[in-house]
Protein backbone atom coordinates (compact mmCIF):
# COMPACT_ATOMS: atom_id res chain seq x y z
CA MET A 1 3.90 -45.45 32.74
CA ASP A 2 6.71 -44.48 30.41
CA ASP A 3 6.09 -43.13 26.87
CA GLU A 4 6.53 -46.53 25.20
CA THR A 5 3.81 -48.21 27.26
CA ALA A 6 1.42 -45.26 27.52
CA ALA A 7 -2.16 -45.90 26.52
CA PRO A 8 -3.15 -44.44 23.15
CA ALA A 9 -4.76 -41.01 23.27
CA PRO A 10 -8.57 -41.14 23.35
CA GLY A 11 -10.06 -41.35 19.87
CA THR A 12 -6.76 -42.29 18.19
CA GLY A 13 -7.97 -45.77 17.25
CA THR A 14 -11.15 -44.30 15.82
CA ARG A 15 -9.20 -41.82 13.69
CA GLU A 16 -6.98 -44.61 12.37
CA ARG A 17 -10.01 -46.75 11.49
CA GLU A 18 -11.63 -43.77 9.73
CA ASN A 19 -8.40 -43.13 7.81
CA ASP A 20 -8.18 -46.81 6.83
CA GLU A 21 -11.81 -46.76 5.70
CA LEU A 22 -11.22 -43.53 3.74
CA ARG A 23 -8.22 -45.08 1.98
CA ALA A 24 -10.09 -48.31 1.21
CA LEU A 25 -13.10 -46.45 -0.17
CA SER A 26 -10.82 -44.13 -2.15
CA ASN A 27 -9.17 -47.15 -3.74
CA ASP A 28 -12.58 -48.68 -4.48
CA LEU A 29 -13.68 -45.43 -6.14
CA VAL A 30 -10.70 -45.46 -8.51
CA VAL A 31 -11.04 -49.18 -9.29
CA HIS A 32 -14.77 -49.04 -9.96
CA ALA A 33 -14.64 -45.77 -11.91
CA ALA A 34 -11.97 -47.30 -14.18
CA ARG A 35 -14.04 -50.47 -14.62
CA LEU A 36 -17.12 -48.42 -15.51
CA VAL A 37 -15.13 -46.42 -18.07
CA ARG A 38 -13.81 -49.65 -19.62
CA ALA A 39 -17.30 -51.20 -19.70
CA VAL A 40 -18.72 -48.13 -21.43
CA ARG A 41 -15.80 -47.96 -23.88
CA ARG A 42 -16.50 -51.53 -24.97
CA GLN A 43 -19.67 -50.13 -26.58
CA HIS A 44 -17.55 -48.11 -29.02
CA PRO A 45 -15.89 -49.42 -32.18
CA PHE A 46 -12.94 -46.96 -31.90
CA PRO A 47 -12.36 -46.27 -28.17
CA ALA A 48 -8.77 -45.02 -28.55
CA GLY A 49 -9.93 -42.44 -31.09
CA ILE A 50 -12.70 -41.26 -28.79
CA ARG A 51 -10.13 -40.87 -26.02
CA VAL A 52 -8.06 -38.61 -28.30
CA LEU A 53 -11.15 -36.58 -29.25
CA SER A 54 -11.90 -36.14 -25.54
CA LEU A 55 -8.34 -34.94 -24.89
CA LEU A 56 -8.64 -32.39 -27.70
CA ASP A 57 -11.99 -31.26 -26.33
CA GLU A 58 -10.44 -30.79 -22.89
CA HIS A 59 -7.08 -29.26 -23.91
CA GLY A 60 -7.75 -27.64 -27.29
CA ALA A 61 -5.55 -27.90 -30.38
CA THR A 62 -2.41 -29.77 -29.38
CA GLY A 63 0.67 -31.27 -30.98
CA VAL A 64 1.03 -35.02 -31.40
CA SER A 65 3.84 -35.27 -28.84
CA ALA A 66 1.80 -33.38 -26.25
CA LEU A 67 -1.22 -35.58 -26.97
CA ALA A 68 0.96 -38.66 -26.49
CA ALA A 69 2.13 -37.32 -23.15
CA LEU A 70 -1.44 -36.56 -22.07
CA ASP A 71 -2.56 -40.07 -23.08
CA ARG A 72 0.60 -41.67 -21.66
CA CYS A 73 1.41 -43.47 -24.90
CA SER A 74 4.30 -43.33 -27.33
CA GLN A 75 4.53 -40.62 -29.97
CA PRO A 76 4.32 -43.20 -32.81
CA THR A 77 1.17 -44.70 -31.26
CA MET A 78 -0.44 -41.27 -31.02
CA SER A 79 0.69 -40.37 -34.52
CA ASN A 80 -1.07 -43.50 -35.82
CA ALA A 81 -4.26 -42.68 -33.87
CA VAL A 82 -4.24 -39.10 -35.20
CA SER A 83 -3.79 -40.38 -38.77
CA GLN A 84 -6.87 -42.58 -38.36
CA LEU A 85 -8.82 -39.63 -36.98
CA VAL A 86 -7.75 -37.46 -39.91
CA GLU A 87 -8.93 -40.20 -42.33
CA ARG A 88 -12.33 -40.21 -40.61
CA GLY A 89 -12.48 -36.43 -40.82
CA TRP A 90 -12.76 -36.10 -37.02
CA VAL A 91 -9.62 -33.99 -36.63
CA GLY A 92 -7.56 -31.69 -38.79
CA LYS A 93 -3.97 -30.58 -38.69
CA GLN A 94 -2.92 -26.96 -38.77
CA PRO A 95 0.44 -25.22 -38.61
CA SER A 96 1.56 -24.30 -35.11
CA PRO A 97 1.54 -20.52 -34.64
CA ASP A 98 4.62 -20.88 -32.40
CA ASP A 99 6.68 -23.13 -34.68
CA GLY A 100 6.01 -23.34 -38.41
CA ARG A 101 7.79 -26.70 -38.57
CA SER A 102 5.23 -28.42 -36.34
CA THR A 103 1.50 -28.95 -36.55
CA LEU A 104 -1.36 -28.89 -34.12
CA VAL A 105 -4.18 -31.41 -34.10
CA ALA A 106 -7.65 -29.88 -33.68
CA LEU A 107 -11.17 -31.24 -33.48
CA SER A 108 -13.20 -30.82 -36.66
CA GLU A 109 -16.94 -30.22 -36.65
CA ALA A 110 -17.39 -33.91 -37.55
CA GLY A 111 -15.18 -34.83 -34.58
CA CYS A 112 -17.28 -32.65 -32.28
CA GLN A 113 -20.41 -34.37 -33.58
CA GLU A 114 -18.88 -37.81 -33.04
CA LEU A 115 -17.86 -36.86 -29.52
CA ARG A 116 -21.41 -35.67 -28.77
CA ARG A 117 -22.82 -38.91 -30.21
CA THR A 118 -20.40 -40.95 -28.10
CA ARG A 119 -21.25 -39.04 -24.95
CA ASP A 120 -24.95 -39.57 -25.63
CA LEU A 121 -24.25 -43.31 -25.96
CA ASN A 122 -22.23 -43.21 -22.70
CA ALA A 123 -25.15 -41.49 -20.98
CA SER A 124 -27.58 -44.13 -22.25
CA VAL A 125 -25.39 -47.02 -21.09
CA VAL A 126 -24.94 -45.58 -17.59
CA ALA A 127 -28.57 -44.45 -17.30
CA GLU A 128 -29.75 -47.98 -18.15
CA ARG A 129 -27.50 -49.42 -15.44
CA VAL A 130 -28.71 -46.89 -12.87
CA ALA A 131 -32.36 -47.46 -13.79
CA ALA A 132 -31.93 -51.25 -13.55
CA GLY A 133 -30.36 -51.09 -10.09
CA PRO A 134 -31.25 -49.83 -6.65
CA HIS A 135 -29.72 -46.37 -7.10
CA THR A 136 -31.59 -43.13 -7.62
CA THR A 137 -30.92 -40.06 -9.71
CA GLU A 138 -29.85 -38.37 -6.47
CA ASP A 139 -27.27 -41.12 -5.87
CA LEU A 140 -25.90 -40.54 -9.36
CA ALA A 141 -25.83 -36.76 -8.79
CA THR A 142 -23.82 -37.30 -5.60
CA ALA A 143 -21.36 -39.58 -7.39
CA VAL A 144 -20.91 -37.02 -10.18
CA ALA A 145 -20.42 -34.21 -7.66
CA VAL A 146 -17.74 -36.18 -5.81
CA LEU A 147 -15.87 -37.07 -9.00
CA ARG A 148 -16.13 -33.50 -10.32
CA ASP A 149 -14.80 -32.10 -7.03
CA LEU A 150 -11.91 -34.57 -6.99
CA LEU A 151 -10.98 -33.63 -10.55
CA ASP A 152 -11.30 -29.90 -9.84
CA THR A 153 -8.94 -30.38 -6.88
CA GLU A 154 -6.45 -32.14 -9.18
CA LYS A 155 -6.41 -29.13 -11.53
CA GLY A 156 -5.54 -26.87 -8.62
CA ILE A 157 -2.48 -28.95 -7.70
């Protein structure tokens, strides 16, 4: 037999099927995680604001342009969201130590409290869904561990 008509190496088909299954399940994970996040966010009256509070919690005090980049929205859109958060008392603005002409947006104590309240609500919504279905606490722990590991890997890239 020449190279073009040679039989596939043993196990090659299995590896390809496993790779296809891995890719399909990986896609399903992203799709369903996004759907779960959207379903939980529908419970909140101000989901865009909560998203900004979460970004500030994760990244610390940040300028509006950097927040817009993190949230993948326009600077005017983020500026509007920050203004609404300032009105609610959930964030404050402070001069940037690096550039006196710019400001940083930081979580206020009220913003931290709102974020904790929101995360408690998120936990309740998901816990109710888990309790109502066939999955166990161990299943949920495994899902959390997988997501956490995937996100930790992303930070190392």
